[in-house]
Amino acid sequence: MKTKLLLLFSLITTQIIFGQCWNNVATNYWNTIALKNDGTVWGCGSNESAMLGNSSNTPISEFALVWDGNDWAKVFSGSQISAGIKNNGTLWTCGFNGYGQIGDGTTNTGWLPTQVTTANNWLNIDIGSVFCIALKSDGTLWAWGNNTTAGCLGNNSTANSLSPIQIGIDTNWQKIAVGSD
């Protein structure tokens, strides 16, 4: 009987300690941002450019709750910004914004997650060091941020975009990925 109780206690303790129920983890050179199954967002790392979105640029040496709410569905990490999509399909970004890469129409640092447009059909985002490419559930492709180096936004221009702009008219994009810019 003691053996069975000890085994049961060990299994329960192991599940509590190691069963953190992480749903999605995104990393970059400086930070890690992670989504728990309960919809909360946690982070750790250098936080130099406020990319953890906790209203600070102070380093965090162990996982801590960094974003408000428990309604997050996905998290993403770039070298200077982080992003998340909520269960309602809205897209939020935070971090360094020198080229408009958080997509809020400004170049102000995003100390807290800021909603990118009022759209609620964002499906995915990929983050370059100073620009973003995103996909909506209607199959449209969107981009914003630094475009001066090589026209990496794909809109036949080299002008930066502080807000998302639709790339082309196609509605059948399925996957996105960015490289170094």
Foldseek 3Di string as FASTA:
>chain_A
DVVVVVVVVVVVVCCVVVVQQWDAWEDDPFKIWTAHPQQFIWMFGQLCFLQLFQLDRHGHHDIDGRADDRFWDYKYDEPFKIWTAGVQQWIWMFGQQCFLARAPQDRDGGNHTDTAPPDRFWDDKEDENFKIWTAGPQQWIWIFGQQQPPNVRQQPDRHGHNHIDTHDDDRNHDDDYDDYD
